[in-house]
Protein backbone atom coordinates (compact mmCIF):
# COMPACT_ATOMS: atom_id res chain seq x y z
CA MET A 1 23.65 38.00 -61.35
CA LYS A 2 22.45 40.56 -58.92
CA THR A 3 19.23 38.92 -58.27
CA ARG A 4 20.93 35.60 -57.17
CA ILE A 5 23.66 37.85 -55.18
CA LEU A 6 20.73 39.96 -53.70
CA LYS A 7 18.88 36.26 -52.37
CA GLU A 8 21.96 34.71 -51.27
CA CYS A 9 22.94 37.46 -49.16
CA MET A 10 19.48 38.46 -47.57
CA SER A 11 19.56 33.84 -46.89
CA ARG A 12 22.81 34.78 -44.62
CA CYS A 13 21.10 37.89 -42.90
CA LEU A 14 18.29 35.50 -42.44
CA THR A 15 20.66 32.48 -41.31
CA LEU A 16 22.73 35.34 -38.30
CA ARG A 17 19.04 37.05 -37.43
CA LEU A 18 18.04 33.44 -36.38
CA ALA A 19 21.25 32.51 -35.25
CA TRP A 20 20.74 35.06 -32.98
CA LEU A 21 17.50 34.79 -32.12
CA LEU A 22 17.36 31.41 -31.11
CA PRO A 23 18.83 31.55 -28.16
CA ALA A 24 16.39 33.76 -26.74
CA VAL A 25 13.62 32.00 -27.72
CA TRP A 26 14.52 28.47 -27.27
CA ALA A 27 17.32 28.94 -23.79
CA PRO A 28 14.53 28.10 -21.64
CA THR A 29 13.68 24.92 -23.33
CA LEU A 30 17.12 23.46 -22.50
CA PRO A 31 17.76 20.60 -19.97
CA GLY A 32 17.81 22.51 -16.69
CA SER A 33 15.77 25.31 -18.12
CA PRO A 34 11.93 24.84 -18.44
CA LEU A 35 9.81 28.00 -19.22
CA LYS A 36 7.76 28.77 -16.57
CA VAL A 37 6.31 27.28 -13.25
CA THR A 38 2.91 28.22 -12.65
CA PHE A 39 2.18 27.31 -8.62
CA THR A 40 -1.65 26.59 -8.25
CA GLN A 41 -3.55 26.03 -4.81
CA ALA A 42 -6.54 24.66 -3.47
CA PRO A 43 -8.40 24.86 -1.37
CA LYS A 44 -8.09 28.05 0.57
CA GLU A 45 -9.23 27.08 3.80
CA ILE A 46 -9.81 23.65 5.37
CA GLU A 47 -10.29 21.83 8.35
CA ALA A 48 -7.49 20.86 10.75
CA TYR A 49 -6.16 16.95 9.82
CA ASP A 50 -7.63 17.73 6.23
CA LEU A 51 -4.54 18.12 3.38
CA VAL A 52 -4.03 21.39 1.32
CA GLU A 53 -2.43 20.74 -1.78
CA VAL A 54 -0.85 22.91 -4.11
CA ALA A 55 0.05 22.25 -8.05
CA ALA A 56 3.36 23.10 -9.53
CA ASP A 57 2.55 23.08 -13.81
CA VAL A 58 5.44 23.35 -15.58
CA GLU A 59 5.45 24.78 -18.83
CA ARG A 60 7.36 22.99 -21.24
CA PRO A 61 9.14 20.09 -19.54
CA ASP A 62 12.39 19.28 -20.62
CA ALA A 63 14.38 16.89 -17.41
CA PRO A 64 15.39 13.52 -18.46
CA ASN A 65 14.14 12.10 -15.64
CA PRO A 66 11.54 14.19 -13.49
CA PHE A 67 11.49 11.91 -10.51
CA THR A 68 15.63 12.15 -10.57
CA ASP A 69 16.25 15.23 -12.07
CA ALA A 70 13.86 17.81 -10.78
CA ALA A 71 12.48 18.47 -7.04
CA LEU A 72 9.23 20.65 -5.28
CA SER A 73 9.88 21.18 -1.80
CA GLY A 74 8.29 23.76 0.46
CA THR A 75 8.28 24.90 4.43
CA PHE A 76 4.90 25.59 6.08
CA VAL A 77 4.93 27.69 9.48
CA LYS A 78 1.95 28.48 11.64
CA ALA A 79 1.36 32.02 12.71
CA GLY A 80 3.08 32.38 15.08
CA GLY A 81 5.65 30.52 13.96
CA THR A 82 4.26 27.52 16.71
CA GLU A 83 4.47 25.19 14.45
CA ARG A 84 6.97 24.55 11.04
CA TYR A 85 7.06 22.05 8.60
CA GLU A 86 9.46 20.67 5.75
CA VAL A 87 7.66 18.88 3.31
CA ALA A 88 8.62 17.37 0.18
CA GLY A 89 6.47 17.35 -3.35
CA PHE A 90 6.00 14.95 -5.48
CA CYS A 91 6.41 14.44 -9.42
CA ASP A 92 2.58 13.57 -10.69
CA SER A 93 3.45 12.85 -14.62
CA ALA A 94 5.54 10.80 -16.43
CA ASP A 95 6.62 14.42 -18.36
CA GLY A 96 7.13 16.00 -15.22
CA SER A 97 4.68 18.41 -16.28
CA VAL A 98 2.91 18.64 -13.01
CA PHE A 99 4.49 18.44 -8.90
CA ARG A 100 2.53 18.30 -6.32
CA ILE A 101 3.04 19.25 -2.29
CA ARG A 102 0.80 18.45 0.52
CA PHE A 103 0.43 19.68 3.65
CA MET A 104 -1.56 18.22 6.94
CA PRO A 105 -2.25 20.97 9.36
CA SER A 106 -2.51 19.44 12.95
CA SER A 107 -4.44 22.77 14.64
CA PRO A 108 -6.71 25.33 13.66
CA GLY A 109 -5.03 28.40 12.99
CA ASP A 110 -3.24 30.72 9.44
CA TYR A 111 -0.29 29.44 7.72
CA THR A 112 2.13 30.30 5.28
CA TYR A 113 4.02 28.61 2.80
CA VAL A 114 6.56 28.88 0.60
CA LEU A 115 7.94 26.49 -2.54
CA THR A 116 10.57 25.69 -4.56
CA TYR A 117 10.23 24.09 -7.49
CA ARG A 118 14.51 23.31 -8.23
CA GLN A 119 15.36 21.66 -12.07
CA GLY A 120 19.46 21.76 -12.09
CA SER A 121 20.55 25.36 -11.82
CA PHE A 122 16.54 26.55 -12.58
CA GLU A 123 14.47 27.88 -9.64
CA SER A 124 11.02 28.57 -9.48
CA THR A 125 9.80 29.88 -5.98
CA GLN A 126 6.11 30.78 -4.62
CA SER A 127 4.40 31.55 -1.51
CA GLY A 128 0.55 31.45 -0.22
CA LEU A 129 -1.24 30.92 2.83
CA PHE A 130 -4.34 29.31 3.74
CA ARG A 131 -6.56 29.03 7.07
CA ALA A 132 -6.92 25.92 9.13
CA SER A 133 -10.65 25.57 10.83
CA THR A 134 -11.94 23.82 13.71
CA SER A 135 -12.69 20.17 12.82
CA HIS A 136 -13.84 17.28 14.60
CA ARG A 137 -11.57 14.75 12.77
CA ARG A 138 -9.29 12.60 14.76
CA GLY A 139 -6.16 13.05 13.35
CA PRO A 140 -3.23 10.39 13.41
CA ILE A 141 -2.80 7.93 15.96
CA ARG A 142 -0.66 8.06 18.82
CA VAL A 143 0.99 6.47 21.52
CA ASP A 144 -0.95 7.48 24.59
CA PRO A 145 1.67 9.64 26.21
CA LYS A 146 0.11 9.22 29.49
CA TYR A 147 -1.10 4.98 29.04
CA PRO A 148 1.75 4.06 26.75
CA TRP A 149 0.07 0.62 26.18
CA HIS A 150 -1.99 2.01 24.48
CA PHE A 151 -3.31 4.26 21.33
CA ILE A 152 -5.15 7.68 21.10
CA TRP A 153 -6.31 9.89 18.21
CA GLU A 154 -4.51 13.04 18.14
CA GLY A 155 -7.30 14.90 17.13
CA THR A 156 -9.52 13.96 19.54
CA GLY A 157 -7.71 12.73 22.18
CA GLU A 158 -10.30 9.49 22.51
CA HIS A 159 -8.56 6.12 22.58
CA TYR A 160 -8.14 3.88 19.80
CA PHE A 161 -8.87 0.21 20.26
CA PHE A 162 -7.04 -1.69 17.77
CA ASN A 163 -9.41 -4.36 15.97
CA GLY A 164 -7.52 -4.66 12.59
CA THR A 165 -7.32 -7.34 9.12
CA THR A 166 -4.68 -7.95 6.83
CA ALA A 167 -5.71 -7.48 2.99
CA TYR A 168 -2.44 -7.34 1.33
CA PHE A 169 -3.14 -6.59 -2.62
CA LEU A 170 -6.20 -5.20 -1.96
CA ILE A 171 -4.78 -2.14 -4.34
CA GLY A 172 -5.00 -5.14 -7.13
CA TRP A 173 -8.35 -4.88 -8.41
CA LYS A 174 -8.55 -3.42 -11.28
CA ASP A 175 -12.17 -1.80 -10.45
CA GLU A 176 -12.17 0.59 -7.47
CA ARG A 177 -15.75 0.08 -6.92
CA ILE A 178 -14.66 -3.41 -4.96
CA ILE A 179 -11.98 -1.39 -3.66
CA ASP A 180 -14.05 0.95 -1.97
CA TYR A 181 -16.75 -1.70 -0.70
CA SER A 182 -14.62 -4.15 0.57
CA ILE A 183 -13.48 -0.71 2.88
CA ASP A 184 -16.23 0.29 3.68
CA ARG A 185 -17.66 -3.45 4.52
CA LEU A 186 -14.64 -3.87 6.62
CA HIS A 187 -15.40 -0.51 8.67
CA ARG A 188 -19.17 -1.69 9.13
CA LEU A 189 -18.06 -4.91 10.52
CA LYS A 190 -15.76 -2.52 13.06
CA VAL A 191 -12.18 -3.28 11.92
CA ASN A 192 -10.46 -0.01 11.88
CA ARG A 193 -6.75 -1.17 11.01
CA ILE A 194 -6.19 -2.87 7.08
CA ARG A 195 -2.42 -3.86 6.42
CA VAL A 196 -1.76 -3.22 2.61
CA THR A 197 1.10 -3.60 0.46
CA ILE A 198 2.50 -1.24 -1.55
CA ALA A 199 5.28 -3.47 -3.37
CA GLY A 200 5.82 -7.06 -3.13
CA ARG A 201 4.46 -9.35 -5.26
CA GLU A 202 2.97 -12.91 -4.86
CA ASP A 203 1.91 -16.32 -6.66
CA VAL A 204 -1.31 -17.66 -5.42
CA PHE A 205 -0.64 -21.05 -4.09
CA PHE A 206 -1.61 -20.90 -0.84
CA GLY A 207 -4.26 -23.49 -1.52
CA GLU A 208 -7.18 -20.58 -1.77
CA PRO A 209 -9.35 -20.05 -4.36
CA VAL A 210 -8.01 -16.74 -5.18
CA MET A 211 -6.44 -16.60 -8.41
CA ASN A 212 -5.12 -13.92 -10.63
CA GLY A 213 -7.02 -12.11 -13.99
CA ASP A 214 -8.60 -9.28 -15.41
CA ASN A 215 -9.62 -8.02 -12.59
CA PHE A 216 -7.51 -8.70 -10.06
CA THR A 217 -3.79 -9.16 -9.43
CA THR A 218 -0.95 -9.58 -6.89
CA PHE A 219 1.52 -8.44 -8.71
CA PRO A 220 1.45 -4.34 -8.08
CA THR A 221 3.20 -2.24 -9.98
CA PRO A 222 4.98 0.43 -7.82
CA TRP A 223 7.37 1.42 -10.94
CA PRO A 224 7.11 0.75 -14.36
CA ALA A 225 7.50 -2.86 -15.71
CA GLN A 226 8.67 -4.34 -18.69
CA GLN A 227 6.78 -7.33 -18.12
CA ALA A 228 4.47 -7.14 -15.70
CA ASN A 229 2.84 -10.15 -15.22
CA ASP A 230 6.14 -11.68 -14.48
CA MET A 231 6.32 -11.86 -10.58
CA TYR A 232 10.13 -13.03 -10.18
CA HIS A 233 11.08 -10.64 -13.78
CA PRO A 234 8.90 -7.57 -13.89
CA GLY A 235 11.91 -5.37 -15.27
CA PHE A 236 11.21 -2.81 -12.77
CA ASP A 237 12.43 0.70 -13.67
CA TYR A 238 13.04 1.85 -10.36
CA THR A 239 13.89 5.10 -11.11
CA ARG A 240 10.11 6.36 -12.10
CA PHE A 241 7.17 5.40 -10.78
CA ASP A 242 3.33 4.30 -12.30
CA LEU A 243 1.85 7.24 -11.77
CA GLU A 244 -2.07 5.45 -12.10
CA TYR A 245 -1.07 2.21 -9.39
CA TRP A 246 -0.08 5.34 -6.62
CA ARG A 247 -3.26 7.47 -7.84
CA LYS A 248 -5.18 4.47 -7.11
CA PHE A 249 -3.58 3.71 -3.96
CA GLU A 250 -4.64 7.13 -2.50
CA ARG A 251 -7.79 7.23 -3.56
CA ALA A 252 -8.22 3.78 -1.54
CA ILE A 253 -6.49 5.99 1.56
CA ARG A 254 -8.73 9.13 1.33
CA PHE A 255 -11.92 6.20 1.24
CA ALA A 256 -11.06 4.68 4.37
CA ARG A 257 -9.78 8.02 6.36
CA ASP A 258 -13.29 9.36 5.76
CA ARG A 259 -14.42 5.95 7.68
CA ASP A 260 -11.38 6.43 10.41
CA VAL A 261 -9.94 3.40 9.19
CA ILE A 262 -6.09 3.12 9.28
CA MET A 263 -4.23 1.75 6.37
CA SER A 264 -1.12 0.18 7.65
CA LEU A 265 1.34 0.76 4.42
CA VAL A 266 3.25 -2.07 4.41
CA LEU A 267 6.42 -0.66 2.17
CA ASP A 268 7.75 -4.45 0.76
CA MET A 269 7.17 -7.93 1.74
CA ASN A 270 9.16 -11.05 1.32
CA ASP A 271 7.94 -13.46 -0.94
CA ASN A 272 9.09 -12.85 -4.34
CA LYS A 273 12.62 -11.25 -3.71
CA VAL A 274 12.21 -8.57 -5.88
CA HIS A 275 13.09 -5.37 -4.31
CA PRO A 276 15.42 -2.07 -4.87
CA LYS A 277 18.86 -3.00 -3.74
CA ALA A 278 18.94 -2.67 0.22
CA GLY A 279 20.08 1.07 1.35
CA SER A 280 20.26 2.13 -2.32
CA ASP A 281 19.05 5.50 -3.99
CA ASP A 282 16.06 3.57 -5.88
CA GLU A 283 14.84 2.37 -2.65
CA TYR A 284 15.46 5.79 -0.63
CA ARG A 285 14.20 7.27 -3.72
CA PHE A 286 10.88 4.78 -3.11
CA ILE A 287 10.17 5.66 0.07
CA ARG A 288 10.66 9.07 0.43
CA TYR A 289 8.13 9.18 -2.90
CA ALA A 290 5.58 7.19 -0.43
CA ILE A 291 6.23 9.26 2.38
CA ALA A 292 5.92 12.75 -0.25
CA ARG A 293 2.36 11.21 -2.00
CA PHE A 294 0.81 9.87 1.43
CA GLY A 295 2.16 11.22 4.32
CA ALA A 296 -0.65 13.97 4.36
CA PHE A 297 -3.47 11.08 4.99
CA SER A 298 -4.01 11.09 8.77
CA ASN A 299 -4.93 7.79 8.67
CA ILE A 300 -1.75 6.03 7.83
CA THR A 301 1.25 4.16 9.55
CA TRP A 302 4.35 2.41 8.48
CA ASP A 303 5.39 -0.80 8.35
CA LEU A 304 9.43 -1.38 6.88
CA GLY A 305 7.93 -5.00 5.42
CA ASP A 306 6.33 -8.18 5.63
CA ASP A 307 8.62 -11.14 7.04
CA LEU A 308 11.84 -8.46 7.26
CA GLU A 309 14.57 -10.42 8.26
CA ARG A 310 14.36 -12.33 5.79
CA TYR A 311 15.44 -10.34 3.33
CA ARG A 312 16.94 -6.94 5.03
CA SER A 313 19.41 -7.09 7.99
CA ASP A 314 18.13 -5.62 11.47
CA GLU A 315 20.55 -2.91 10.75
CA TRP A 316 18.86 -1.95 7.78
CA THR A 317 15.52 -2.01 10.06
CA HIS A 318 17.07 0.56 12.10
CA GLN A 319 18.58 3.19 9.68
CA THR A 320 15.78 2.72 7.81
CA GLY A 321 13.09 3.33 10.44
CA THR A 322 15.28 6.14 11.74
CA LEU A 323 15.31 7.66 7.69
CA ILE A 324 11.61 7.48 7.75
CA LYS A 325 10.63 9.32 11.21
CA SER A 326 13.66 11.89 9.90
CA TRP A 327 11.88 12.15 6.32
CA ASP A 328 8.52 12.01 7.61
CA PRO A 329 6.86 15.80 8.98
CA TYR A 330 3.98 14.00 10.57
CA LYS A 331 6.10 11.89 12.65
CA HIS A 332 2.84 8.54 11.97
CA LEU A 333 3.59 5.91 13.59
CA ALA A 334 5.76 2.84 12.39
CA THR A 335 6.28 -0.54 12.67
CA SER A 336 8.19 -3.32 11.47
CA HIS A 337 7.10 -7.27 11.03
CA PRO A 338 9.42 -9.91 11.34
CA VAL A 339 8.87 -13.48 11.32
CA GLU A 340 10.39 -13.83 14.73
CA ASP A 341 9.91 -11.58 17.76
CA VAL A 342 13.68 -10.72 18.41
CA HIS A 343 14.18 -8.88 15.67
CA GLN A 344 11.93 -6.01 17.20
CA ASP A 345 13.73 -2.68 17.31
CA ARG A 346 12.16 -2.41 20.46
CA THR A 347 14.13 0.33 22.05
CA SER A 348 14.72 2.50 19.35
CA ASP A 349 12.37 6.15 19.16
CA TRP A 350 10.79 5.22 15.60
CA PHE A 351 9.46 2.07 16.69
CA ASP A 352 6.46 3.06 17.94
CA PHE A 353 4.59 -0.69 18.38
CA THR A 354 5.42 -4.04 18.03
CA SER A 355 3.98 -5.74 15.06
CA PHE A 356 4.58 -9.71 16.14
CA GLN A 357 3.77 -12.82 13.45
CA GLU A 358 3.20 -15.80 16.64
CA TRP A 359 1.09 -18.57 15.69
CA SER A 360 0.77 -20.24 18.99
CA ARG A 361 -2.70 -20.95 20.80
CA ASN A 362 -1.53 -19.82 23.98
CA GLN A 363 -1.66 -16.00 22.93
CA HIS A 364 -2.41 -14.84 26.48
CA ALA A 365 0.66 -15.78 28.23
CA TYR A 366 2.73 -14.66 24.82
CA ILE A 367 1.33 -11.06 25.29
CA LEU A 368 2.55 -10.96 28.67
CA ARG A 369 6.00 -12.25 28.28
CA GLN A 370 6.04 -9.66 26.08
CA ARG A 371 5.29 -6.56 27.94
CA GLU A 372 7.63 -7.97 30.62
CA ALA A 373 10.13 -8.29 28.14
CA GLN A 374 9.10 -4.50 27.00
CA GLU A 375 8.93 -3.38 30.35
CA ARG A 376 12.57 -4.64 31.14
CA THR A 377 13.62 -1.96 28.03
CA GLY A 378 12.44 1.26 30.42
CA ARG A 379 10.58 1.73 27.07
CA ILE A 380 6.90 1.05 27.10
CA ILE A 381 4.94 0.94 23.81
CA PRO A 382 1.77 -1.15 22.44
CA GLN A 383 2.26 -4.72 22.77
CA ALA A 384 0.17 -6.10 19.10
CA ASN A 385 0.38 -9.29 17.21
CA GLU A 386 -0.42 -9.03 13.47
CA GLU A 387 -0.15 -12.17 12.14
CA TYR A 388 -1.51 -15.07 14.12
CA GLY A 389 -4.19 -17.03 12.11
CA TYR A 390 -5.85 -16.98 8.81
CA GLU A 391 -9.65 -18.10 8.82
CA ASP A 392 -9.67 -21.54 7.61
CA HIS A 393 -6.38 -21.23 6.11
CA TYR A 394 -2.48 -23.07 6.60
CA PRO A 395 -3.76 -26.55 6.93
CA MET A 396 -0.74 -27.81 6.91
CA TRP A 397 1.07 -25.65 9.46
CA ALA A 398 -1.28 -24.44 11.46
CA PRO A 399 -0.82 -25.40 15.41
CA GLY A 400 -2.91 -27.83 15.01
CA PRO A 401 -6.65 -29.06 12.84
CA GLY A 402 -9.95 -26.72 13.48
CA LEU A 403 -7.39 -24.15 15.51
CA ASP A 404 -8.11 -21.49 12.49
CA SER A 405 -11.80 -21.13 12.20
CA ALA A 406 -13.66 -18.19 12.91
CA ASP A 407 -14.36 -19.61 16.29
CA VAL A 408 -10.86 -20.33 17.68
CA LEU A 409 -9.31 -16.92 16.04
CA ARG A 410 -12.09 -15.17 18.05
CA ARG A 411 -11.40 -16.66 21.32
CA THR A 412 -7.40 -15.84 20.43
CA ALA A 413 -8.35 -12.22 19.77
CA TRP A 414 -10.16 -12.11 23.88
CA ASP A 415 -6.93 -13.84 25.16
CA ILE A 416 -4.75 -11.14 23.27
CA TYR A 417 -6.88 -8.11 23.95
CA MET A 418 -7.40 -9.67 28.21
CA ALA A 419 -3.41 -9.49 27.96
CA GLY A 420 -3.12 -5.98 27.11
CA GLY A 421 -2.09 -6.14 23.56
CA TYR A 422 -3.44 -5.91 20.63
CA GLN A 423 -4.42 -7.85 17.96
CA LEU A 424 -4.57 -8.25 13.31
CA VAL A 425 -6.05 -11.33 11.68
CA GLY A 426 -6.76 -12.97 7.97
CA GLU A 427 -10.46 -13.17 6.83
CA SER A 428 -10.98 -16.27 5.30
CA ALA A 429 -10.36 -16.41 1.60
CA ARG A 430 -12.64 -19.45 0.91
CA ARG A 431 -14.56 -17.37 -1.23
CA GLY A 432 -12.38 -16.87 -4.01
CA THR A 433 -11.51 -14.31 -6.54
CA ASN A 434 -11.96 -15.11 -10.65
CA ILE A 435 -13.13 -18.82 -9.17
CA PHE A 436 -17.13 -19.50 -8.86
CA PRO A 437 -18.40 -17.34 -7.19
CA ASP A 438 -16.06 -14.82 -7.15
CA THR A 439 -17.42 -12.94 -4.66
CA GLY A 440 -14.41 -13.09 -1.94
CA GLY A 441 -10.76 -12.92 -1.21
CA GLY A 442 -10.60 -12.03 2.43
CA TRP A 443 -6.97 -11.07 3.74
CA LEU A 444 -5.34 -11.85 0.07
CA ASN A 445 -7.37 -8.56 -1.15
CA GLY A 446 -9.94 -7.12 1.34
CA ARG A 447 -12.85 -8.89 -0.07
CA GLY A 448 -16.13 -10.55 1.31
CA ASP A 449 -19.36 -11.23 1.30
CA ASP A 450 -22.19 -11.99 4.15
CA SER A 451 -20.78 -15.71 4.49
CA MET A 452 -17.83 -15.11 6.12
CA THR A 453 -18.82 -14.19 9.72
CA MET A 454 -15.88 -14.16 11.79
CA PHE A 455 -15.86 -10.24 12.11
CA ILE A 456 -19.05 -9.98 13.41
CA GLY A 457 -17.41 -12.08 16.53
CA PHE A 458 -14.74 -9.57 16.45
CA GLY A 459 -17.39 -6.52 17.04
CA HIS A 460 -18.53 -7.99 19.74
CA ILE A 461 -14.85 -7.63 21.45
CA VAL A 462 -15.01 -3.73 20.08
CA ASP A 463 -18.39 -3.25 21.60
CA PHE A 464 -17.16 -4.99 25.05
CA PHE A 465 -14.41 -2.51 25.45
CA SER A 466 -15.69 0.43 24.21
CA SER A 467 -18.04 0.05 27.23
CA PHE A 468 -15.36 1.11 30.00
CA GLU A 469 -12.07 2.58 29.88
CA TRP A 470 -9.30 -0.38 28.98
CA TRP A 471 -6.68 1.82 28.40
CA LYS A 472 -6.61 2.55 32.13
CA THR A 473 -6.46 -1.56 33.12
CA ASN A 474 -3.31 -3.56 33.27
CA PRO A 475 -3.46 -7.39 33.59
CA HIS A 476 -3.98 -8.59 37.11
CA ASP A 477 -4.95 -12.91 36.29
CA GLU A 478 -3.97 -13.24 40.37
CA LEU A 479 -7.54 -11.54 41.28
CA VAL A 480 -9.83 -14.43 39.59
CA ASP A 481 -9.32 -18.49 39.67
CA ASN A 482 -11.03 -20.88 37.03
CA GLY A 483 -8.65 -20.20 34.30
CA ALA A 484 -9.69 -16.77 33.97
CA TYR A 485 -8.38 -13.44 32.59
CA CYS A 486 -8.63 -10.40 34.46
CA LEU A 487 -7.76 -6.47 33.60
CA ALA A 488 -8.09 -4.37 36.15
CA ARG A 489 -7.75 -0.80 38.12
CA PRO A 490 -8.07 -2.25 41.31
CA GLY A 491 -11.15 -0.14 42.86
CA GLU A 492 -12.29 0.96 39.51
CA ILE A 493 -12.49 -1.53 36.97
CA TYR A 494 -12.85 -5.09 37.01
CA ALA A 495 -12.84 -6.95 33.35
CA VAL A 496 -12.91 -10.45 33.41
CA TYR A 497 -13.10 -13.19 30.85
CA LEU A 498 -13.87 -16.62 31.20
CA PRO A 499 -12.46 -19.21 28.37
CA LYS A 500 -14.67 -21.74 29.25
CA GLU A 501 -18.32 -22.52 31.58
CA GLY A 502 -18.28 -22.17 35.84
CA LYS A 503 -17.96 -19.19 37.93
CA VAL A 504 -15.16 -17.15 39.27
CA THR A 505 -14.34 -15.76 41.95
CA ILE A 506 -12.48 -12.31 41.85
CA HIS A 507 -10.41 -10.25 44.90
CA LEU A 508 -12.14 -6.86 44.80
CA GLU A 509 -11.09 -3.50 47.05
CA ALA A 510 -14.29 -2.30 49.08
CA GLY A 511 -17.03 -0.44 47.66
CA THR A 512 -20.04 -1.22 45.77
CA TYR A 513 -19.76 -2.39 42.27
CA SER A 514 -22.63 -2.89 39.24
CA ALA A 515 -22.20 -6.00 37.35
CA GLN A 516 -22.97 -7.50 34.45
CA TRP A 517 -22.40 -11.02 32.33
CA PHE A 518 -21.16 -10.05 28.66
CA GLY A 519 -21.89 -12.49 25.68
CA ALA A 520 -18.01 -12.98 23.89
CA SER A 521 -19.73 -15.08 21.46
CA THR A 522 -23.02 -13.08 21.19
CA GLY A 523 -22.83 -9.99 22.52
CA GLU A 524 -25.69 -10.44 24.61
CA ILE A 525 -25.58 -8.11 28.06
CA ILE A 526 -27.18 -9.38 31.09
CA PRO A 527 -27.24 -7.08 34.15
CA LEU A 528 -26.67 -8.71 37.59
CA PRO A 529 -27.30 -7.68 41.07
CA LEU A 530 -24.83 -5.18 42.68
CA VAL A 531 -21.35 -6.66 43.85
CA ASN A 532 -19.37 -5.56 47.22
CA GLY A 533 -16.07 -6.45 48.09
CA PRO A 534 -13.63 -7.73 49.02
CA VAL A 535 -14.52 -11.01 47.36
CA TRP A 536 -17.33 -11.79 45.23
CA THR A 537 -17.79 -15.12 43.72
CA SER A 538 -20.23 -15.00 40.49
CA PRO A 539 -22.89 -17.23 39.42
CA PRO A 540 -22.24 -19.78 37.08
CA THR A 541 -22.13 -18.39 33.32
CA PRO A 542 -25.21 -18.92 31.56
CA ASP A 543 -24.55 -21.42 29.14
CA ARG A 544 -21.26 -23.57 27.80
CA LEU A 545 -20.33 -20.64 25.95
CA ASP A 546 -17.49 -18.32 27.00
CA TRP A 547 -18.56 -15.02 28.81
CA ALA A 548 -17.14 -11.89 30.61
CA LEU A 549 -17.74 -9.89 33.43
CA LEU A 550 -17.62 -6.15 33.43
CA LEU A 551 -17.39 -4.73 37.19
CA LEU A 552 -17.54 -1.05 37.67
CA ARG A 553 -17.33 0.82 41.10
CA LEU A 554 -20.22 2.65 41.86
CA PRO A 555 -19.54 6.55 42.99
């Protein structure tokens, strides 16, 4: 009896003791109270326009949903207080055990930061420092404040000659080797801007041999999906993110950054109608996550969405564009891509350049009209047509038979540039994906092979414009005849394009000019004798193809 009573007493005492101990041991692991947060910074020194990253490792994470119930934020300040940035971090683990925050310094110097992890009433704070060294990185692209029809690289002040393409589902490749190959190939072809969608899903009913399969999909999954392969009913959980997808995307951005290729990040696209609700917490969470995760990369711009007015209103566009600029600490350039140009938010501060979708083959006149319309607003910004053709594509509704060939699109690009605008075109997808020989994909996914030669011709355009200070010129077609186009800084630079064979007469200011022919289709350069103003008539074009002339005033 005594033994039984003693055992019961000891049991009660042990129970009471455990009851007293348990709150001390387990209270920190109750929701809203992680045990500890450890911050790790790498590296301690970076180049300006690279990024520094700090990881917050959460011990025994217990947030029910770390994407909604916890947050990491920070303030980064350059020594002397000349630069101050409020930066949001992001969750990088499904269980909430890892958060990250990234920062891109825009100038060399010493920087300090204070980070705060918050979860319910729990807070953990960390301070740190790093140094940014001088570099030759080009940094983000900006609108040139002196010549606002054009762009510059912020880091070097060089002018950016916008020559782009679409590769909507580039991140749909399972094998990242193909993603890297595609970016590198386009870079070697002098393409320096690629439109890629973050969200938006697409059936492959374009008359192209591009099919979904084990190694490629047009069904991106920025959110976890119950049925990822169901285009219209994926069952997305908009409160969380598919982290492997985002990691793969950022690796592609980093790879492109190292080649000075701009990634135009299209937030969403119209076609499958699967979107977070407009203006909802889910939609804003998605946009904020994209900014937090990708914003510290120098080589991005924002695009609010493709065919945007078909699923979002103009009011939404204005409000969301304004919010993106307030959330993005680096103020990367932003635009939107509606079907009709009347939906461009031309006068708003957030709207940095146009992104037209206009398919006529009279692009020269079209861009001139858009420049005039922009001038009437009192706010000059670059004019870009980012969808006017896809090589060998859309035969049923392209502007006409043969008007989507590589040569016609090349000539159309000349029309755009000679009007002072910029362009982006889609490469052929006739060499397909998951269809023999399975070496292409073109505008749908960015992959190409040596049978696809359209961008060789576009590279000649880059070479021509890179040979003079194009950003200082404006359209002056009144100075030439015979259907030619002219960009000029009168008295200094005259760049003339002849779409057809023949001679051209140019009205010049007095002076002596160097002159040369440039083969628009070949890149060939043929020097000409010195030219004197005020009027000069060229010799006939060297052959029946299209040619350009460049006249530069001699000192």
